């Protein structure tokens, strides 16, 4: 079974996270907590069901507004998406026993930037 959720817009990239964390030791922690909670609410609003068969594979499709950022910088945000799946109680945990791997694809959509996340059981 495959489930999907969509996050409209973009999430912070790796460089942004690093720069923010240099401001104060607690900035990253607060940012991660807020993003994880916000994405968990998006997941719940899109009515995903708890995963029953593990390990899962997760496919990320990043529709970016432009080519200004490197793909490896963009996909650092997958950490928030995966932690949000746990927060929303869609997955039990995010360790080796539960996640077999991920894939990333990158496209440009200047009118509708978004992240599509597919969970494959």
PDB file of N, CA and C in Angstrom:
ATOM      1  N   UNK A   1       0.844  -1.171   0.000  1.00  0.00           N
ATOM      2  CA  UNK A   1       0.000   0.000   0.000  1.00  0.00           C
ATOM      3  C   UNK A   1       0.899   1.247   0.000  1.00  0.00           C
ATOM      4  N   UNK A   2       0.501   2.246  -0.758  1.00  0.00           N
ATOM      5  CA  UNK A   2       1.226   3.516  -0.802  1.00  0.00           C
ATOM      6  C   UNK A   2       0.315   4.642  -0.338  1.00  0.00           C
ATOM      7  N   UNK A   3       0.834   5.463   0.545  1.00  0.00           N
ATOM      8  CA  UNK A   3       0.117   6.646   1.010  1.00  0.00           C
ATOM      9  C   UNK A   3       0.939   7.876   0.643  1.00  0.00           C
ATOM     10  N   UNK A   4       0.249   9.011   0.560  1.00  0.00           N
ATOM     11  CA  UNK A   4       0.913  10.242   0.145  1.00  0.00           C
ATOM     12  C   UNK A   4       0.431  11.417   0.985  1.00  0.00           C
ATOM     13  N   UNK A   5       1.360  12.317   1.293  1.00  0.00           N
ATOM     14  CA  UNK A   5       0.957  13.619   1.825  1.00  0.00           C
ATOM     15  C   UNK A   5       1.760  14.698   1.121  1.00  0.00           C
ATOM     16  N   UNK A   6       1.216  15.909   1.121  1.00  0.00           N
ATOM     17  CA  UNK A   6       1.825  17.026   0.402  1.00  0.00           C
ATOM     18  C   UNK A   6       2.006  18.202   1.359  1.00  0.00           C
ATOM     19  N   UNK A   7       3.179  18.784   1.321  1.00  0.00           N
ATOM     20  CA  UNK A   7       3.476  20.004   2.072  1.00  0.00           C
ATOM     21  C   UNK A   7       3.604  21.123   1.048  1.00  0.00           C
ATOM     22  N   UNK A   8       2.757  22.115   1.147  1.00  0.00           N
ATOM     23  CA  UNK A   8       2.822  23.239   0.213  1.00  0.00           C
ATOM     24  C   UNK A   8       3.971  24.167   0.596  1.00  0.00           C
ATOM     25  N   UNK A   9       4.638  24.701  -0.408  1.00  0.00           N
ATOM     26  CA  UNK A   9       5.768  25.592  -0.163  1.00  0.00           C
ATOM     27  C   UNK A   9       7.047  24.808   0.074  1.00  0.00           C
ATOM     28  N   UNK A  10       7.996  25.438   0.719  1.00  0.00           N
ATOM     29  CA  UNK A  10       9.300  24.828   0.992  1.00  0.00           C
ATOM     30  C   UNK A  10       9.559  24.753   2.488  1.00  0.00           C
ATOM     31  N   UNK A  11      10.487  23.892   2.855  1.00  0.00           N
ATOM     32  CA  UNK A  11      10.962  23.803   4.234  1.00  0.00           C
ATOM     33  C   UNK A  11      12.369  24.398   4.296  1.00  0.00           C
ATOM     34  N   UNK A  12      12.858  24.698   5.483  1.00  0.00           N
ATOM     35  CA  UNK A  12      14.218  25.246   5.585  1.00  0.00           C
ATOM     36  C   UNK A  12      15.246  24.271   5.008  1.00  0.00           C
ATOM     37  N   UNK A  13      16.245  24.812   4.329  1.00  0.00           N
ATOM     38  CA  UNK A  13      17.309  23.965   3.789  1.00  0.00           C
ATOM     39  C   UNK A  13      18.432  23.819   4.824  1.00  0.00           C
ATOM     40  N   UNK A  14      19.392  22.980   4.501  1.00  0.00           N
ATOM     41  CA  UNK A  14      20.464  22.667   5.447  1.00  0.00           C
ATOM     42  C   UNK A  14      21.248  23.910   5.861  1.00  0.00           C
ATOM     43  N   UNK A  15      21.617  24.741   4.889  1.00  0.00           N
ATOM     44  CA  UNK A  15      22.387  25.947   5.218  1.00  0.00           C
ATOM     45  C   UNK A  15      21.609  26.877   6.141  1.00  0.00           C
ATOM     46  N   UNK A  16      20.327  27.008   5.897  1.00  0.00           N
ATOM     47  CA  UNK A  16      19.484  27.856   6.746  1.00  0.00           C
ATOM     48  C   UNK A  16      19.437  27.308   8.171  1.00  0.00           C
ATOM     49  N   UNK A  17      19.306  25.998   8.294  1.00  0.00           N
ATOM     50  CA  UNK A  17      19.278  25.373   9.618  1.00  0.00           C
ATOM     51  C   UNK A  17      20.595  25.599  10.361  1.00  0.00           C
ATOM     52  N   UNK A  18      21.707  25.441   9.664  1.00  0.00           N
ATOM     53  CA  UNK A  18      23.021  25.650  10.280  1.00  0.00           C
ATOM     54  C   UNK A  18      23.171  27.103  10.730  1.00  0.00           C
ATOM     55  N   UNK A  19      22.816  28.026   9.852  1.00  0.00           N
ATOM     56  CA  UNK A  19      22.946  29.448  10.194  1.00  0.00           C
ATOM     57  C   UNK A  19      22.061  29.829  11.377  1.00  0.00           C
ATOM     58  N   UNK A  20      20.830  29.323  11.386  1.00  0.00           N
ATOM     59  CA  UNK A  20      19.925  29.621  12.499  1.00  0.00           C
ATOM     60  C   UNK A  20      20.456  29.058  13.813  1.00  0.00           C
ATOM     61  N   UNK A  21      21.046  27.860  13.751  1.00  0.00           N
ATOM     62  CA  UNK A  21      21.533  27.223  14.979  1.00  0.00           C
ATOM     63  C   UNK A  21      22.734  27.961  15.568  1.00  0.00           C
ATOM     64  N   UNK A  22      23.425  28.734  14.761  1.00  0.00           N
ATOM     65  CA  UNK A  22      24.579  29.495  15.252  1.00  0.00           C
ATOM     66  C   UNK A  22      24.157  30.711  16.073  1.00  0.00           C
ATOM     67  N   UNK A  23      22.907  31.115  15.951  1.00  0.00           N
ATOM     68  CA  UNK A  23      22.422  32.288  16.681  1.00  0.00           C
ATOM     69  C   UNK A  23      22.362  32.030  18.187  1.00  0.00           C
ATOM     70  N   UNK A  24      21.872  30.867  18.548  1.00  0.00           N
ATOM     71  CA  UNK A  24      21.741  30.486  19.959  1.00  0.00           C
ATOM     72  C   UNK A  24      21.577  28.975  20.010  1.00  0.00           C
ATOM     73  N   UNK A  25      22.047  28.347  21.071  1.00  0.00           N
ATOM     74  CA  UNK A  25      22.012  26.884  21.161  1.00  0.00           C
ATOM     75  C   UNK A  25      20.605  26.304  21.077  1.00  0.00           C
ATOM     76  N   UNK A  26      19.579  27.064  21.446  1.00  0.00           N
ATOM     77  CA  UNK A  26      18.224  26.509  21.473  1.00  0.00           C
ATOM     78  C   UNK A  26      17.423  26.763  20.197  1.00  0.00           C
ATOM     79  N   UNK A  27      17.974  27.531  19.268  1.00  0.00           N
ATOM     80  CA  UNK A  27      17.207  27.912  18.073  1.00  0.00           C
ATOM     81  C   UNK A  27      16.822  26.691  17.246  1.00  0.00           C
ATOM     82  N   UNK A  28      17.796  25.795  16.968  1.00  0.00           N
ATOM     83  CA  UNK A  28      17.491  24.605  16.171  1.00  0.00           C
ATOM     84  C   UNK A  28      16.440  23.744  16.856  1.00  0.00           C
ATOM     85  N   UNK A  29      16.575  23.543  18.141  1.00  0.00           N
ATOM     86  CA  UNK A  29      15.627  22.715  18.889  1.00  0.00           C
ATOM     87  C   UNK A  29      14.204  23.256  18.780  1.00  0.00           C
ATOM     88  N   UNK A  30      14.061  24.549  18.945  1.00  0.00           N
ATOM     89  CA  UNK A  30      12.731  25.168  18.849  1.00  0.00           C
ATOM     90  C   UNK A  30      12.190  25.097  17.427  1.00  0.00           C
ATOM     91  N   UNK A  31      13.070  25.328  16.462  1.00  0.00           N
ATOM     92  CA  UNK A  31      12.660  25.273  15.060  1.00  0.00           C
ATOM     93  C   UNK A  31      12.234  23.854  14.681  1.00  0.00           C
ATOM     94  N   UNK A  32      13.007  22.855  15.105  1.00  0.00           N
ATOM     95  CA  UNK A  32      12.676  21.460  14.805  1.00  0.00           C
ATOM     96  C   UNK A  32      11.343  21.077  15.441  1.00  0.00           C
ATOM     97  N   UNK A  33      11.142  21.476  16.678  1.00  0.00           N
ATOM     98  CA  UNK A  33       9.890  21.165  17.375  1.00  0.00           C
ATOM     99  C   UNK A  33       8.691  21.775  16.648  1.00  0.00           C
ATOM    100  N   UNK A  34       8.803  23.031  16.238  1.00  0.00           N
ATOM    101  CA  UNK A  34       7.701  23.704  15.550  1.00  0.00           C
ATOM    102  C   UNK A  34       7.430  23.080  14.182  1.00  0.00           C
ATOM    103  N   UNK A  35       8.490  22.845  13.406  1.00  0.00           N
ATOM    104  CA  UNK A  35       8.313  22.251  12.082  1.00  0.00           C
ATOM    105  C   UNK A  35       7.729  20.845  12.178  1.00  0.00           C
ATOM    106  N   UNK A  36       8.229  20.054  13.116  1.00  0.00           N
ATOM    107  CA  UNK A  36       7.717  18.694  13.291  1.00  0.00           C
ATOM    108  C   UNK A  36       6.234  18.722  13.639  1.00  0.00           C
ATOM    109  N   UNK A  37       5.850  19.603  14.527  1.00  0.00           N
ATOM    110  CA  UNK A  37       4.442  19.729  14.916  1.00  0.00           C
ATOM    111  C   UNK A  37       3.591  20.205  13.734  1.00  0.00           C
ATOM    112  N   UNK A  38       4.055  21.222  13.013  1.00  0.00           N
ATOM    113  CA  UNK A  38       3.300  21.759  11.874  1.00  0.00           C
ATOM    114  C   UNK A  38       3.097  20.707  10.786  1.00  0.00           C
ATOM    115  N   UNK A  39       4.150  19.958  10.482  1.00  0.00           N
ATOM    116  CA  UNK A  39       4.037  18.919   9.455  1.00  0.00           C
ATOM    117  C   UNK A  39       3.148  17.781   9.947  1.00  0.00           C
ATOM    118  N   UNK A  40       3.223  17.427  11.220  1.00  0.00           N
ATOM    119  CA  UNK A  40       2.338  16.391  11.775  1.00  0.00           C
ATOM    120  C   UNK A  40       0.874  16.796  11.611  1.00  0.00           C
ATOM    121  N   UNK A  41       0.571  18.071  11.799  1.00  0.00           N
ATOM    122  CA  UNK A  41      -0.806  18.552  11.589  1.00  0.00           C
ATOM    123  C   UNK A  41      -1.218  18.429  10.129  1.00  0.00           C
ATOM    124  N   UNK A  42      -0.297  18.711   9.214  1.00  0.00           N
ATOM    125  CA  UNK A  42      -0.584  18.539   7.785  1.00  0.00           C
ATOM    126  C   UNK A  42      -0.881  17.074   7.492  1.00  0.00           C
ATOM    127  N   UNK A  43      -0.062  16.188   8.031  1.00  0.00           N
ATOM    128  CA  UNK A  43      -0.253  14.747   7.825  1.00  0.00           C
ATOM    129  C   UNK A  43      -1.619  14.316   8.352  1.00  0.00           C
ATOM    130  N   UNK A  44      -1.964  14.744   9.550  1.00  0.00           N
ATOM    131  CA  UNK A  44      -3.262  14.378  10.130  1.00  0.00           C
ATOM    132  C   UNK A  44      -4.411  14.927   9.298  1.00  0.00           C
ATOM    133  N   UNK A  45      -4.263  16.137   8.767  1.00  0.00           N
ATOM    134  CA  UNK A  45      -5.338  16.732   7.964  1.00  0.00           C
ATOM    135  C   UNK A  45      -5.535  15.992   6.646  1.00  0.00           C
ATOM    136  N   UNK A  46      -4.501  15.277   6.191  1.00  0.00           N
ATOM    137  CA  UNK A  46      -4.599  14.541   4.933  1.00  0.00           C
ATOM    138  C   UNK A  46      -4.978  13.073   5.150  1.00  0.00           C
ATOM    139  N   UNK A  47      -5.346  12.752   6.373  1.00  0.00           N
ATOM    140  CA  UNK A  47      -5.972  11.471   6.740  1.00  0.00           C
ATOM    141  C   UNK A  47      -5.140  10.229   6.392  1.00  0.00           C
ATOM    142  N   UNK A  48      -3.853  10.277   6.653  1.00  0.00           N
ATOM    143  CA  UNK A  48      -3.043   9.081   6.463  1.00  0.00           C
ATOM    144  C   UNK A  48      -3.377   8.054   7.536  1.00  0.00           C
ATOM    145  N   UNK A  49      -3.202   6.799   7.199  1.00  0.00           N
ATOM    146  CA  UNK A  49      -3.460   5.693   8.125  1.00  0.00           C
ATOM    147  C   UNK A  49      -2.135   5.186   8.698  1.00  0.00           C
ATOM    148  N   UNK A  50      -2.148   4.676   9.920  1.00  0.00           N
ATOM    149  CA  UNK A  50      -0.923   4.105  10.483  1.00  0.00           C
ATOM    150  C   UNK A  50      -0.398   2.956   9.618  1.00  0.00           C
ATOM    151  N   UNK A  51       0.908   2.903   9.467  1.00  0.00           N
ATOM    152  CA  UNK A  51       1.560   1.850   8.691  1.00  0.00           C
ATOM    153  C   UNK A  51       1.425   0.532   9.437  1.00  0.00           C
ATOM    154  N   UNK A  52       1.147  -0.524   8.692  1.00  0.00           N
ATOM    155  CA  UNK A  52       0.985  -1.849   9.299  1.00  0.00           C
ATOM    156  C   UNK A  52       2.143  -2.790   8.965  1.00  0.00           C
ATOM    157  N   UNK A  53       2.786  -2.586   7.811  1.00  0.00           N
ATOM    158  CA  UNK A  53       3.822  -3.510   7.365  1.00  0.00           C
ATOM    159  C   UNK A  53       5.165  -2.780   7.240  1.00  0.00           C
ATOM    160  N   UNK A  54       6.139  -3.264   7.987  1.00  0.00           N
ATOM    161  CA  UNK A  54       7.482  -2.670   7.997  1.00  0.00           C
ATOM    162  C   UNK A  54       8.488  -3.655   7.429  1.00  0.00           C
ATOM    163  N   UNK A  55       9.630  -3.178   6.967  1.00  0.00           N
ATOM    164  CA  UNK A  55      10.065  -1.788   6.864  1.00  0.00           C
ATOM    165  C   UNK A  55       9.435  -1.093   5.655  1.00  0.00           C
ATOM    166  N   UNK A  56       9.384   0.220   5.721  1.00  0.00           N
ATOM    167  CA  UNK A  56       8.801   1.021   4.649  1.00  0.00           C
ATOM    168  C   UNK A  56       9.906   1.707   3.844  1.00  0.00           C
ATOM    169  N   UNK A  57       9.526   2.163   2.662  1.00  0.00           N
ATOM    170  CA  UNK A  57      10.387   3.028   1.854  1.00  0.00           C
ATOM    171  C   UNK A  57       9.665   4.359   1.720  1.00  0.00           C
ATOM    172  N   UNK A  58      10.420   5.433   1.746  1.00  0.00           N
ATOM    173  CA  UNK A  58       9.827   6.762   1.640  1.00  0.00           C
ATOM    174  C   UNK A  58      10.406   7.460   0.416  1.00  0.00           C
ATOM    175  N   UNK A  59       9.515   7.958  -0.413  1.00  0.00           N
ATOM    176  CA  UNK A  59       9.908   8.659  -1.642  1.00  0.00           C
ATOM    177  C   UNK A  59       9.557  10.133  -1.496  1.00  0.00           C
ATOM    178  N   UNK A  60      10.547  10.984  -1.665  1.00  0.00           N
ATOM    179  CA  UNK A  60      10.350  12.431  -1.581  1.00  0.00           C
ATOM    180  C   UNK A  60      10.446  13.024  -2.978  1.00  0.00           C
ATOM    181  N   UNK A  61       9.443  13.802  -3.350  1.00  0.00           N
ATOM    182  CA  UNK A  61       9.493  14.545  -4.608  1.00  0.00           C
ATOM    183  C   UNK A  61       9.462  16.026  -4.249  1.00  0.00           C
ATOM    184  N   UNK A  62      10.559  16.688  -4.497  1.00  0.00           N
ATOM    185  CA  UNK A  62      10.749  18.091  -4.134  1.00  0.00           C
ATOM    186  C   UNK A  62      10.471  18.950  -5.363  1.00  0.00           C
ATOM    187  N   UNK A  63       9.384  19.695  -5.346  1.00  0.00           N
ATOM    188  CA  UNK A  63       9.042  20.622  -6.425  1.00  0.00           C
ATOM    189  C   UNK A  63       9.492  22.006  -5.959  1.00  0.00           C
ATOM    190  N   UNK A  64      10.627  22.438  -6.466  1.00  0.00           N
ATOM    191  CA  UNK A  64      11.255  23.679  -6.005  1.00  0.00           C
ATOM    192  C   UNK A  64      10.846  24.861  -6.882  1.00  0.00           C
ATOM    193  N   UNK A  65      10.897  26.028  -6.303  1.00  0.00           N
ATOM    194  CA  UNK A  65      10.524  27.252  -7.023  1.00  0.00           C
ATOM    195  C   UNK A  65      11.554  27.604  -8.096  1.00  0.00           C
ATOM    196  N   UNK A  66      12.821  27.288  -7.825  1.00  0.00           N
ATOM    197  CA  UNK A  66      13.895  27.591  -8.777  1.00  0.00           C
ATOM    198  C   UNK A  66      15.087  26.677  -8.493  1.00  0.00           C
ATOM    199  N   UNK A  67      16.176  26.915  -9.205  1.00  0.00           N
ATOM    200  CA  UNK A  67      17.382  26.087  -9.054  1.00  0.00           C
ATOM    201  C   UNK A  67      18.446  26.750  -8.170  1.00  0.00           C
ATOM    202  N   UNK A  68      18.052  27.660  -7.337  1.00  0.00           N
ATOM    203  CA  UNK A  68      19.001  28.440  -6.533  1.00  0.00           C
ATOM    204  C   UNK A  68      19.717  27.603  -5.463  1.00  0.00           C
ATOM    205  N   UNK A  69      19.098  26.525  -4.994  1.00  0.00           N
ATOM    206  CA  UNK A  69      19.689  25.709  -3.928  1.00  0.00           C
ATOM    207  C   UNK A  69      20.064  24.342  -4.480  1.00  0.00           C
ATOM    208  N   UNK A  70      21.108  23.769  -3.911  1.00  0.00           N
ATOM    209  CA  UNK A  70      21.532  22.429  -4.312  1.00  0.00           C
ATOM    210  C   UNK A  70      20.560  21.386  -3.771  1.00  0.00           C
ATOM    211  N   UNK A  71      20.327  20.311  -4.549  1.00  0.00           N
ATOM    212  CA  UNK A  71      19.416  19.259  -4.082  1.00  0.00           C
ATOM    213  C   UNK A  71      19.780  18.676  -2.715  1.00  0.00           C
ATOM    214  N   UNK A  72      21.081  18.464  -2.461  1.00  0.00           N
ATOM    215  CA  UNK A  72      21.456  17.884  -1.163  1.00  0.00           C
ATOM    216  C   UNK A  72      21.195  18.848  -0.011  1.00  0.00           C
ATOM    217  N   UNK A  73      21.156  20.109  -0.287  1.00  0.00           N
ATOM    218  CA  UNK A  73      20.837  21.117   0.716  1.00  0.00           C
ATOM    219  C   UNK A  73      19.331  21.105   1.013  1.00  0.00           C
ATOM    220  N   UNK A  74      18.545  20.954  -0.031  1.00  0.00           N
ATOM    221  CA  UNK A  74      17.082  20.952   0.087  1.00  0.00           C
ATOM    222  C   UNK A  74      16.590  19.737   0.870  1.00  0.00           C
ATOM    223  N   UNK A  75      17.123  18.561   0.537  1.00  0.00           N
ATOM    224  CA  UNK A  75      16.565  17.324   1.095  1.00  0.00           C
ATOM    225  C   UNK A  75      16.918  17.095   2.561  1.00  0.00           C
ATOM    226  N   UNK A  76      17.709  17.963   3.160  1.00  0.00           N
ATOM    227  CA  UNK A  76      17.970  17.852   4.604  1.00  0.00           C
ATOM    228  C   UNK A  76      16.675  17.951   5.399  1.00  0.00           C
ATOM    229  N   UNK A  77      15.659  18.581   4.810  1.00  0.00           N
ATOM    230  CA  UNK A  77      14.368  18.751   5.488  1.00  0.00           C
ATOM    231  C   UNK A  77      13.597  17.440   5.632  1.00  0.00           C
ATOM    232  N   UNK A  78      14.074  16.370   4.995  1.00  0.00           N
ATOM    233  CA  UNK A  78      13.372  15.088   5.144  1.00  0.00           C
ATOM    234  C   UNK A  78      13.354  14.634   6.604  1.00  0.00           C
ATOM    235  N   UNK A  79      14.351  15.059   7.382  1.00  0.00           N
ATOM    236  CA  UNK A  79      14.385  14.732   8.820  1.00  0.00           C
ATOM    237  C   UNK A  79      13.098  15.177   9.507  1.00  0.00           C
ATOM    238  N   UNK A  80      12.637  16.387   9.185  1.00  0.00           N
ATOM    239  CA  UNK A  80      11.410  16.901   9.792  1.00  0.00           C
ATOM    240  C   UNK A  80      10.194  16.104   9.333  1.00  0.00           C
ATOM    241  N   UNK A  81      10.181  15.724   8.065  1.00  0.00           N
ATOM    242  CA  UNK A  81       9.051  14.953   7.532  1.00  0.00           C
ATOM    243  C   UNK A  81       8.949  13.589   8.210  1.00  0.00           C
ATOM    244  N   UNK A  82      10.077  12.921   8.357  1.00  0.00           N
ATOM    245  CA  UNK A  82      10.077  11.588   8.964  1.00  0.00           C
ATOM    246  C   UNK A  82       9.730  11.669  10.452  1.00  0.00           C
ATOM    247  N   UNK A  83      10.301  12.626  11.156  1.00  0.00           N
ATOM    248  CA  UNK A  83       9.954  12.797  12.569  1.00  0.00           C
ATOM    249  C   UNK A  83       8.472  13.131  12.735  1.00  0.00           C
ATOM    250  N   UNK A  84       7.911  13.840  11.769  1.00  0.00           N
ATOM    251  CA  UNK A  84       6.485  14.186  11.816  1.00  0.00           C
ATOM    252  C   UNK A  84       5.601  12.964  11.605  1.00  0.00           C
ATOM    253  N   UNK A  85       6.060  12.017  10.790  1.00  0.00           N
ATOM    254  CA  UNK A  85       5.301  10.775  10.622  1.00  0.00           C
ATOM    255  C   UNK A  85       5.211  10.028  11.952  1.00  0.00           C
ATOM    256  N   UNK A  86       6.288  10.064  12.707  1.00  0.00           N
ATOM    257  CA  UNK A  86       6.286   9.448  14.035  1.00  0.00           C
ATOM    258  C   UNK A  86       5.381  10.231  14.988  1.00  0.00           C
ATOM    259  N   UNK A  87       5.492  11.554  14.974  1.00  0.00           N
ATOM    260  CA  UNK A  87       4.670  12.422  15.831  1.00  0.00           C
ATOM    261  C   UNK A  87       3.179  12.234  15.545  1.00  0.00           C
ATOM    262  N   UNK A  88       2.836  12.053  14.273  1.00  0.00           N
ATOM    263  CA  UNK A  88       1.435  11.870  13.871  1.00  0.00           C
ATOM    264  C   UNK A  88       0.969  10.428  14.060  1.00  0.00           C
ATOM    265  N   UNK A  89       1.852   9.568  14.558  1.00  0.00           N
ATOM    266  CA  UNK A  89       1.574   8.151  14.823  1.00  0.00           C
ATOM    267  C   UNK A  89       1.237   7.371  13.551  1.00  0.00           C
ATOM    268  N   UNK A  90       1.889   7.749  12.450  1.00  0.00           N
ATOM    269  CA  UNK A  90       1.751   7.005  11.200  1.00  0.00           C
ATOM    270  C   UNK A  90       2.786   5.886  11.168  1.00  0.00           C
ATOM    271  N   UNK A  91       3.967   6.153  11.692  1.00  0.00           N
ATOM    272  CA  UNK A  91       4.992   5.114  11.832  1.00  0.00           C
ATOM    273  C   UNK A  91       5.336   4.965  13.315  1.00  0.00           C
ATOM    274  N   UNK A  92       5.799   3.768  13.680  1.00  0.00           N
ATOM    275  CA  UNK A  92       6.147   3.482  15.073  1.00  0.00           C
ATOM    276  C   UNK A  92       7.450   4.178  15.455  1.00  0.00           C
ATOM    277  N   UNK A  93       8.433   4.095  14.551  1.00  0.00           N
ATOM    278  CA  UNK A  93       9.747   4.667  14.827  1.00  0.00           C
ATOM    279  C   UNK A  93      10.449   4.896  13.493  1.00  0.00           C
ATOM    280  N   UNK A  94      11.613   5.541  13.546  1.00  0.00           N
ATOM    281  CA  UNK A  94      12.323   5.837  12.305  1.00  0.00           C
ATOM    282  C   UNK A  94      13.693   5.167  12.240  1.00  0.00           C
ATOM    283  N   UNK A  95      13.859   4.078  12.969  1.00  0.00           N
ATOM    284  CA  UNK A  95      15.114   3.331  12.951  1.00  0.00           C
ATOM    285  C   UNK A  95      15.175   2.330  11.806  1.00  0.00           C
ATOM    286  N   UNK A  96      16.300   1.608  11.734  1.00  0.00           N
ATOM    287  CA  UNK A  96      16.538   0.631  10.671  1.00  0.00           C
ATOM    288  C   UNK A  96      15.433  -0.415  10.564  1.00  0.00           C
ATOM    289  N   UNK A  97      14.878  -0.809  11.681  1.00  0.00           N
ATOM    290  CA  UNK A  97      13.836  -1.839  11.699  1.00  0.00           C
ATOM    291  C   UNK A  97      12.579  -1.383  10.956  1.00  0.00           C
ATOM    292  N   UNK A  98      12.364  -0.077  10.893  1.00  0.00           N
ATOM    293  CA  UNK A  98      11.110   0.456  10.366  1.00  0.00           C
ATOM    294  C   UNK A  98      11.242   1.146   9.013  1.00  0.00           C
ATOM    295  N   UNK A  99      12.430   1.626   8.678  1.00  0.00           N
ATOM    296  CA  UNK A  99      12.618   2.329   7.408  1.00  0.00           C
ATOM    297  C   UNK A  99      13.740   1.658   6.624  1.00  0.00           C
ATOM    298  N   UNK A 100      13.391   1.163   5.427  1.00  0.00           N
ATOM    299  CA  UNK A 100      14.367   0.476   4.583  1.00  0.00           C
ATOM    300  C   UNK A 100      15.197   1.458   3.756  1.00  0.00           C
ATOM    301  N   UNK A 101      14.642   2.630   3.486  1.00  0.00           N
ATOM    302  CA  UNK A 101      15.397   3.610   2.706  1.00  0.00           C
ATOM    303  C   UNK A 101      14.515   4.726   2.187  1.00  0.00           C
ATOM    304  N   UNK A 102      15.170   5.665   1.487  1.00  0.00           N
ATOM    305  CA  UNK A 102      14.455   6.800   0.908  1.00  0.00           C
ATOM    306  C   UNK A 102      14.977   7.036  -0.505  1.00  0.00           C
ATOM    307  N   UNK A 103      14.166   7.724  -1.292  1.00  0.00           N
ATOM    308  CA  UNK A 103      14.611   8.241  -2.579  1.00  0.00           C
ATOM    309  C   UNK A 103      14.181   9.695  -2.667  1.00  0.00           C
ATOM    310  N   UNK A 104      14.930  10.456  -3.441  1.00  0.00           N
ATOM    311  CA  UNK A 104      14.633  11.872  -3.644  1.00  0.00           C
ATOM    312  C   UNK A 104      14.610  12.170  -5.136  1.00  0.00           C
ATOM    313  N   UNK A 105      13.636  12.969  -5.541  1.00  0.00           N
ATOM    314  CA  UNK A 105      13.561  13.482  -6.909  1.00  0.00           C
ATOM    315  C   UNK A 105      13.350  14.984  -6.809  1.00  0.00           C
ATOM    316  N   UNK A 106      13.899  15.715  -7.774  1.00  0.00           N
ATOM    317  CA  UNK A 106      13.831  17.175  -7.738  1.00  0.00           C
ATOM    318  C   UNK A 106      13.316  17.717  -9.064  1.00  0.00           C
ATOM    319  N   UNK A 107      12.349  18.616  -8.972  1.00  0.00           N
ATOM    320  CA  UNK A 107      11.755  19.254 -10.140  1.00  0.00           C
ATOM    321  C   UNK A 107      11.564  20.737  -9.846  1.00  0.00           C
ATOM    322  N   UNK A 108      11.350  21.504 -10.892  1.00  0.00           N
ATOM    323  CA  UNK A 108      11.078  22.931 -10.742  1.00  0.00           C
ATOM    324  C   UNK A 108       9.604  23.172 -11.037  1.00  0.00           C
ATOM    325  N   UNK A 109       8.945  23.886 -10.134  1.00  0.00           N
ATOM    326  CA  UNK A 109       7.562  24.334 -10.333  1.00  0.00           C
ATOM    327  C   UNK A 109       7.441  25.697  -9.659  1.00  0.00           C
ATOM    328  N   UNK A 110       7.737  26.739 -10.419  1.00  0.00           N
ATOM    329  CA  UNK A 110       7.783  28.082  -9.827  1.00  0.00           C
ATOM    330  C   UNK A 110       6.430  28.562  -9.342  1.00  0.00           C
ATOM    331  N   UNK A 111       5.341  27.989  -9.867  1.00  0.00           N
ATOM    332  CA  UNK A 111       3.999  28.412  -9.471  1.00  0.00           C
ATOM    333  C   UNK A 111       3.425  27.623  -8.302  1.00  0.00           C
ATOM    334  N   UNK A 112       3.966  26.443  -8.048  1.00  0.00           N
ATOM    335  CA  UNK A 112       3.412  25.594  -6.996  1.00  0.00           C
ATOM    336  C   UNK A 112       4.519  24.780  -6.307  1.00  0.00           C
ATOM    337  N   UNK A 113       5.446  25.448  -5.606  1.00  0.00           N
ATOM    338  CA  UNK A 113       6.476  24.682  -4.899  1.00  0.00           C
ATOM    339  C   UNK A 113       5.832  23.845  -3.793  1.00  0.00           C
ATOM    340  N   UNK A 114       6.320  22.610  -3.658  1.00  0.00           N
ATOM    341  CA  UNK A 114       5.724  21.699  -2.683  1.00  0.00           C
ATOM    342  C   UNK A 114       6.639  20.493  -2.497  1.00  0.00           C
ATOM    343  N   UNK A 115       6.298  19.711  -1.509  1.00  0.00           N
ATOM    344  CA  UNK A 115       6.995  18.451  -1.259  1.00  0.00           C
ATOM    345  C   UNK A 115       5.939  17.362  -1.224  1.00  0.00           C
ATOM    346  N   UNK A 116       6.092  16.363  -2.066  1.00  0.00           N
ATOM    347  CA  UNK A 116       5.196  15.205  -2.058  1.00  0.00           C
ATOM    348  C   UNK A 116       5.959  14.056  -1.408  1.00  0.00           C
ATOM    349  N   UNK A 117       5.334  13.434  -0.432  1.00  0.00           N
ATOM    350  CA  UNK A 117       5.983  12.347   0.302  1.00  0.00           C
ATOM    351  C   UNK A 117       5.124  11.094   0.159  1.00  0.00           C
ATOM    352  N   UNK A 118       5.732  10.033  -0.372  1.00  0.00           N
ATOM    353  CA  UNK A 118       5.047   8.756  -0.564  1.00  0.00           C
ATOM    354  C   UNK A 118       5.620   7.739   0.417  1.00  0.00           C
ATOM    355  N   UNK A 119       4.731   7.042   1.113  1.00  0.00           N
ATOM    356  CA  UNK A 119       5.123   6.007   2.067  1.00  0.00           C
ATOM    357  C   UNK A 119       4.712   4.676   1.457  1.00  0.00           C
ATOM    358  N   UNK A 120       5.697   3.835   1.178  1.00  0.00           N
ATOM    359  CA  UNK A 120       5.444   2.557   0.517  1.00  0.00           C
ATOM    360  C   UNK A 120       5.665   1.409   1.491  1.00  0.00           C
ATOM    361  N   UNK A 121       4.586   0.651   1.722  1.00  0.00           N
ATOM    362  CA  UNK A 121       4.683  -0.517   2.611  1.00  0.00           C
ATOM    363  C   UNK A 121       5.097  -1.727   1.804  1.00  0.00           C
TER     364      UNK A 121
END
